[in-house]
Amino acid sequence: MVFGKKNKRVRSQAVKVKAAKRRRKSTRPAITLSASQQRLLKFFAISLIVLGAILWIRSWFVNPVHWPISKVEIKGDLKYVSRDELQGVIKHYVNTNLYLLDDQGLERDLEAIPWVKGVSLRKSLPQTLIITIKEYQAVAYWGEDHLLDQYGEIFNGSLPERRSDFPVLYSPEDKGREMGERYIQVLKWLKDVPMKVVSLTEDPRGSWIIRFEDGLILNVGKKEQEKRLRRFVVGYQKVLKKQMEKVSLVDLRYTNGFAVKWK
């Protein structure tokens, strides 16, 4: 019996200890945040909300069924580029929305079309794509199957109906701008010769060859071109002027004169 009472006292004491612990816990002060901590907590909460909104908006835009491209406007002063050819390229890119459009791929494929010098894209929300095309402006033929623009850039193109309107320039090293500048110089040096220069080419050794509209060929060589052409002008005025219909070629690659090949 004594042993049972002892156990009761032990249990009673244990209950009292637990109750005391609960009282001590309940009397602990509540956790309070400083003003800076509260601001930081608000900042993180707002950031999470904004991030969630951004992710939702992005997921909405990356779905091509939302705001699909419904209108394409092609702008530019087009003389040689076919709108049908442009549309043939564009149609492979616009089955999407403005956000997912492959801008670089579309520009690259459009610029591969002959006569297209440059392409710029502008997106007008919600569903319009505006494409501006800039064409090359040809000033000369480059060899047989290319053209040269006013900046000396060589490009793919053809103008068979206007072939006689442009001079033919060519260099195996594709020196478009340099050959254009040379052609202008040649015209100045030959201004006193009343014949139309239709071709200026350079061979792999760097030698110049000039052709006139009547078929006459000048073999100028690869050095002292200005000096040699001025010598030809003098010889033309003094000797050859009245006999040009009999001349097929003039070789200027001589130190003090030139050689004439008769027809």
Foldseek 3Di string as FASTA:
>chain_A
DVVVVVVVVVVVVVVVVVVVVVVVVVPDDDDDDDPVVVVVVVVVVVVVVVVVVVVVVVVVQQAQVPLAADEEAEDEDDDDDDVVVLVVLVVVFRSGFPVPTPVVVSFVVVCLDFQFDGWDWDDDPDHYIYIYTDGFAFAAAEPDAWTAGPQQDITGDDDVVCNQVHAYEYEPVSRRNVRVVVVVVLCVLCVLPPWAWRYWYAYPVQWIWTATPLQEIEGQGRPPNSVLSNLVSVCCVPPVVVPVNQFRYWYSPDDPHIDTDGD
